[in-house]
Amino acid sequence: MSNDETLKDRLSQVSAQGTPALRSFARWLLDNLSLVAFSSIRGLAKQAGVNPNTVTRMAKELGYTSFDAFRTDVQATIQTPAPNYGARAQTLRHEHRDSAFAALMEAHGENTAMLFSADILDTLNACIDPLLGARKVYVVGVRSCYAIAHYFSYVGGMAFSNFVDVPTLPGGIVDVLSQATSEDIIVGITYEHYAAEVVQACQIAQSRGARVLALTDSHGSPIAVGAWKVVPLPMAGPHFLPSLNSAFLAVEMLLVGMAARSDDAAERVSSFEDRIRQYGGYNV
């Protein structure tokens, strides 16, 4: 794992589990980390709108002996490109040859605990009623995130009338998202290296006045910029791709929360189930 990934993971953890002042500052840092490399304590505090003591406390919370050590690490980080997936696979082979399962289980436990932090649960809960009330809910994810987007859209469409099928045809994302309005919500799902199609979809949605719910790995993600809500997904782990378990769990939590508050979901699900069974879609 690179210094950049490690630092972002630690900041994400503080943004979910730290004191209120540190949580807020951590989220700001995830969006503005490069400013640390060129600022003094007071200068950074002024830009972030926090007390200088908060800057010092953050450095120590992140495990540094001083702000200077924090700044030096950030300077090195911004000069180093993020590791590609191939490099992560090499690390997995060399560092976890005989301990891959144990490392994965440990990371999964930590990711789940972070997802269940008070701040993230509050954010997910705040999305429920707006999702139920939206004219349309669009879900966009490609490549590895397509599975999550499809699951959210498929199960959401089973229970709620406002979910739109995930775009699948070439050019479909632009075709579909260009119809979005200010009454709609677009759920974008991506992580570093950040899929260009999902970034474009969120930009189109914002230009149409729609709200963007960003399910992504950091407040520094391009789809988090200007988003209505951001759910920072804990995705650490030894795998050569970031772990998607927290993304699936976040989507399930949204669906469960929506179903629990919907007057029509149970009837729609029952009707769907009956139709599929009637025409032989189920064996039992």
Foldseek 3Di string as FASTA:
>chain_A
DDLVVLLQLLLLLCLQDNDPQSVLVSQVCLQVVLVLLPDDLVRVCVVSVHDSVSLFVNCVSSPHPGSVRVNVSSVVVVVDDDDALVVLVVCCCPPCVPPQVVQFVVLVVVLVVSCPGPVNVVLLLVVQVLQQQAQAEAEDDDDPCVVLSQVLLVLCVLQHVRYDHHQDDVVRLVVVLLPAALRYEYEAEDEPVGDPSSLVSLVSNVVRNHAYEYEYQGCNDSSVVVHPHYNRGSFDTSRSDTHCPSVNVSSVVSSVSNNVPDPGRVVSNVVVVVVCVVVPVDPD
